[in-house]
Amino acid sequence: MVSTLWPVLTGWLAVHWRELALSALFLACAFRERGQDHDSLGTTGARALFWALPVAADVYLLLAGLTLDCAAAITAAQCGALAFAGMAWLPHSAGQNLTETPADYPASWTARISLPNKLGYLAAVGIARLYLIALPLAHDHPAAMWLPLGGLFMVLAYLVGTQLPVLPWRLTKPTEWGEFLTGAGVGAAIGAVLVAGHVDFSALK
């Protein structure tokens, strides 16, 4: 099975790596920008402009490219709306700062949450948010039912973010790296499930 699966997957990646990479980079930048302070927009405006709209645009481009497609537009709009709902209903601030301690931040209630609980919370939020985005996609793209598992990448993103160097501008601390990598994971996951139909599974028989 592995001997037949590997060439099929590598061949698929060779053809579609650009879509996956662009989707990952686009949503990585969007999710990081959403987490930035935007006084003129407020939290709600930032969620709409820097997350709901980018998710909708990403889904549309993966479904229809640069062509006009009413069905793809409706699906993309639904995904964007549910991406906004996921951010509004399921905030992840309680779990995002993995390095804070009660000694360093005595006034912070999140500093008193244990690391395992923070990681578990991030996993639950990530899965639930991607489940919402998967709902409009699942009818025509059955692989989207696997999309919620991509939410587990949120845990890895914030863990890895604690080990990465400080960079200028938008990547100046671990939580900002966590946001960037979380967006990249969401973009890669959405890209993967929407181009999964191009895998020739008949070759595995």
Protein backbone atom coordinates (compact mmCIF):
# COMPACT_ATOMS: atom_id res chain seq x y z
CA MET A 1 0.00 0.00 0.00
CA VAL A 2 2.77 2.44 0.95
CA SER A 3 4.69 1.63 -2.21
CA THR A 4 1.70 2.71 -4.32
CA LEU A 5 0.52 5.57 -2.10
CA TRP A 6 3.85 7.37 -2.00
CA PRO A 7 4.27 7.97 -5.76
CA VAL A 8 0.64 9.09 -6.06
CA LEU A 9 1.03 11.64 -3.25
CA THR A 10 4.41 12.90 -4.41
CA GLY A 11 3.06 13.27 -7.94
CA TRP A 12 0.06 15.19 -6.58
CA LEU A 13 2.33 17.48 -4.55
CA ALA A 14 4.55 18.07 -7.57
CA VAL A 15 1.53 19.38 -9.46
CA HIS A 16 -0.25 21.27 -6.67
CA TRP A 17 2.49 22.51 -4.34
CA ARG A 18 2.06 26.06 -5.61
CA GLU A 19 -1.61 26.21 -4.60
CA LEU A 20 -0.79 24.81 -1.17
CA ALA A 21 2.15 27.17 -0.63
CA LEU A 22 0.25 30.27 -1.75
CA SER A 23 -2.79 29.35 0.32
CA ALA A 24 -0.59 28.80 3.37
CA LEU A 25 1.33 32.05 2.93
CA PHE A 26 -1.79 34.11 2.22
CA LEU A 27 -3.65 32.97 5.31
CA ALA A 28 -0.49 33.08 7.44
CA CYS A 29 -0.14 36.79 6.70
CA ALA A 30 -3.89 37.33 7.15
CA PHE A 31 -4.11 35.61 10.54
CA ARG A 32 -1.04 37.45 11.82
CA GLU A 33 -2.42 40.80 10.65
CA ARG A 34 -5.76 40.01 12.29
CA GLY A 35 -3.94 39.69 15.60
CA GLN A 36 -2.27 43.06 15.23
CA ASP A 37 -3.70 46.13 16.99
CA HIS A 38 -5.94 48.06 14.61
CA ASP A 39 -7.50 50.86 16.64
CA SER A 40 -9.48 52.23 13.72
CA LEU A 41 -11.04 48.85 12.94
CA GLY A 42 -11.51 47.32 16.35
CA THR A 43 -11.55 43.60 16.99
CA THR A 44 -14.69 42.97 14.94
CA GLY A 45 -13.42 44.93 11.95
CA ALA A 46 -10.06 43.16 12.04
CA ARG A 47 -11.75 39.77 12.13
CA ALA A 48 -13.82 40.67 9.10
CA LEU A 49 -11.12 42.39 7.04
CA PHE A 50 -8.13 40.25 7.93
CA TRP A 51 -9.71 36.82 8.42
CA ALA A 52 -13.24 36.39 7.05
CA LEU A 53 -12.48 38.08 3.72
CA PRO A 54 -9.11 36.35 3.20
CA VAL A 55 -10.64 32.93 3.96
CA ALA A 56 -13.45 33.64 1.50
CA ALA A 57 -10.98 34.82 -1.14
CA ASP A 58 -8.73 31.81 -0.59
CA VAL A 59 -11.59 29.34 -0.92
CA TYR A 60 -12.91 31.08 -4.04
CA LEU A 61 -9.52 31.09 -5.77
CA LEU A 62 -8.96 27.42 -4.94
CA LEU A 63 -12.41 26.52 -6.25
CA ALA A 64 -12.68 28.71 -9.33
CA GLY A 65 -9.35 30.43 -9.91
CA LEU A 66 -9.76 33.73 -11.72
CA THR A 67 -12.99 32.71 -13.46
CA LEU A 68 -16.45 33.95 -12.47
CA ASP A 69 -18.39 31.22 -10.69
CA CYS A 70 -21.57 31.96 -8.76
CA ALA A 71 -21.62 28.64 -6.88
CA ALA A 72 -17.99 29.07 -5.80
CA ALA A 73 -18.72 32.63 -4.69
CA ILE A 74 -21.63 31.48 -2.50
CA THR A 75 -19.54 28.69 -0.96
CA ALA A 76 -16.62 31.04 -0.36
CA ALA A 77 -18.87 33.64 1.26
CA GLN A 78 -20.31 30.98 3.58
CA CYS A 79 -16.80 29.86 4.54
CA GLY A 80 -15.78 33.45 5.23
CA ALA A 81 -18.85 34.07 7.37
CA LEU A 82 -18.21 30.91 9.39
CA ALA A 83 -14.52 31.79 9.74
CA PHE A 84 -15.65 35.09 11.29
CA ALA A 85 -18.09 33.26 13.54
CA GLY A 86 -15.36 30.89 14.69
CA MET A 87 -13.15 33.81 15.70
CA ALA A 88 -16.01 35.58 17.48
CA TRP A 89 -17.46 32.56 19.25
CA LEU A 90 -14.19 30.77 20.04
CA PRO A 91 -11.44 33.18 21.10
CA HIS A 92 -8.08 31.57 21.72
CA SER A 93 -6.44 34.22 23.89
CA ALA A 94 -6.63 32.02 26.99
CA GLY A 95 -4.25 29.50 25.44
CA GLN A 96 -1.96 31.50 23.20
CA ASN A 97 0.71 32.70 25.63
CA LEU A 98 2.58 29.52 26.46
CA THR A 99 5.57 31.17 28.13
CA GLU A 100 3.85 33.35 30.75
CA THR A 101 4.02 32.34 34.41
CA PRO A 102 2.18 33.62 37.50
CA ALA A 103 5.48 34.96 38.84
CA ASP A 104 6.07 37.04 35.73
CA TYR A 105 2.46 38.13 35.27
CA PRO A 106 0.75 38.06 38.69
CA ALA A 107 -2.24 40.05 37.41
CA SER A 108 -2.87 37.76 34.44
CA TRP A 109 -5.52 35.06 34.92
CA THR A 110 -4.26 33.18 31.87
CA ALA A 111 -0.83 32.83 33.50
CA ARG A 112 -2.45 30.53 36.07
CA ILE A 113 -3.65 28.10 33.38
CA SER A 114 -1.35 25.08 33.13
CA LEU A 115 0.48 24.39 29.87
CA PRO A 116 -1.39 21.12 29.17
CA ASN A 117 -4.70 22.91 29.62
CA LYS A 118 -3.60 25.70 27.30
CA LEU A 119 -2.56 23.22 24.63
CA GLY A 120 -5.80 21.30 24.99
CA TYR A 121 -7.77 24.52 24.65
CA LEU A 122 -5.87 25.52 21.51
CA ALA A 123 -6.55 22.09 20.01
CA ALA A 124 -10.27 22.30 20.77
CA VAL A 125 -10.56 25.81 19.35
CA GLY A 126 -8.59 24.93 16.23
CA ILE A 127 -10.70 21.86 15.51
CA ALA A 128 -13.98 23.69 16.10
CA ARG A 129 -13.05 26.65 13.89
CA LEU A 130 -12.07 24.44 10.98
CA TYR A 131 -15.18 22.34 11.45
CA LEU A 132 -17.24 25.47 10.85
CA ILE A 133 -15.27 26.32 7.70
CA ALA A 134 -15.65 22.74 6.47
CA LEU A 135 -19.46 22.79 6.62
CA PRO A 136 -20.12 24.62 3.30
CA LEU A 137 -17.40 22.58 1.56
CA ALA A 138 -18.31 19.06 2.60
CA HIS A 139 -21.21 18.51 0.16
CA ASP A 140 -19.12 18.93 -2.98
CA HIS A 141 -15.73 18.17 -1.45
CA PRO A 142 -15.97 15.14 0.86
CA ALA A 143 -12.31 15.50 1.80
CA ALA A 144 -13.34 18.64 3.71
CA MET A 145 -14.61 16.38 6.47
CA TRP A 146 -10.94 15.87 7.33
CA LEU A 147 -10.39 19.63 7.60
CA PRO A 148 -11.08 19.89 11.37
CA LEU A 149 -8.03 17.73 12.03
CA GLY A 150 -5.96 20.57 10.63
CA GLY A 151 -7.01 22.52 13.70
CA LEU A 152 -4.53 20.46 15.71
CA PHE A 153 -1.78 22.37 13.92
CA MET A 154 -2.67 25.34 16.11
CA VAL A 155 -1.03 23.57 19.04
CA LEU A 156 2.17 22.94 17.09
CA ALA A 157 2.15 26.50 15.73
CA TYR A 158 2.18 28.10 19.18
CA LEU A 159 4.69 25.60 20.55
CA VAL A 160 7.08 26.19 17.67
CA GLY A 161 6.52 29.92 18.00
CA THR A 162 8.13 29.87 21.45
CA GLN A 163 11.37 28.63 19.87
CA LEU A 164 11.66 30.99 16.92
CA PRO A 165 13.78 34.15 16.82
CA VAL A 166 12.46 37.65 17.15
CA LEU A 167 12.16 39.38 13.78
CA PRO A 168 11.27 42.99 12.95
CA TRP A 169 7.78 44.31 12.41
CA ARG A 170 5.07 41.62 12.67
CA LEU A 171 7.03 38.71 14.19
CA THR A 172 8.38 40.24 17.38
CA LYS A 173 7.27 37.68 19.98
CA PRO A 174 6.21 34.02 20.31
CA THR A 175 2.47 34.67 20.11
CA GLU A 176 2.92 36.53 16.82
CA TRP A 177 4.82 33.59 15.39
CA GLY A 178 2.03 31.36 16.67
CA GLU A 179 -0.54 33.41 14.79
CA PHE A 180 1.51 33.37 11.59
CA LEU A 181 2.06 29.61 11.72
CA THR A 182 -1.58 28.94 12.65
CA GLY A 183 -2.73 30.82 9.57
CA ALA A 184 -0.24 28.88 7.46
CA GLY A 185 -1.63 25.61 8.78
CA VAL A 186 -5.20 26.66 8.03
CA GLY A 187 -4.25 27.75 4.53
CA ALA A 188 -2.41 24.51 3.82
CA ALA A 189 -5.29 22.44 5.20
CA ILE A 190 -7.92 24.26 3.13
CA GLY A 191 -5.75 24.00 0.05
CA ALA A 192 -5.16 20.30 0.60
CA VAL A 193 -8.81 19.34 0.96
CA LEU A 194 -9.93 21.44 -2.00
CA VAL A 195 -7.39 19.95 -4.39
CA ALA A 196 -7.59 16.44 -2.93
CA GLY A 197 -10.04 15.49 -5.68
CA HIS A 198 -7.13 15.61 -8.09
CA VAL A 199 -5.48 12.61 -6.43
CA ASP A 200 -5.88 9.52 -8.58
CA PHE A 201 -6.89 7.03 -5.90
CA SER A 202 -7.60 4.43 -8.58
CA ALA A 203 -3.85 4.08 -8.88
CA LEU A 204 -3.82 2.56 -5.40
CA LYS A 205 -5.84 -0.48 -6.44
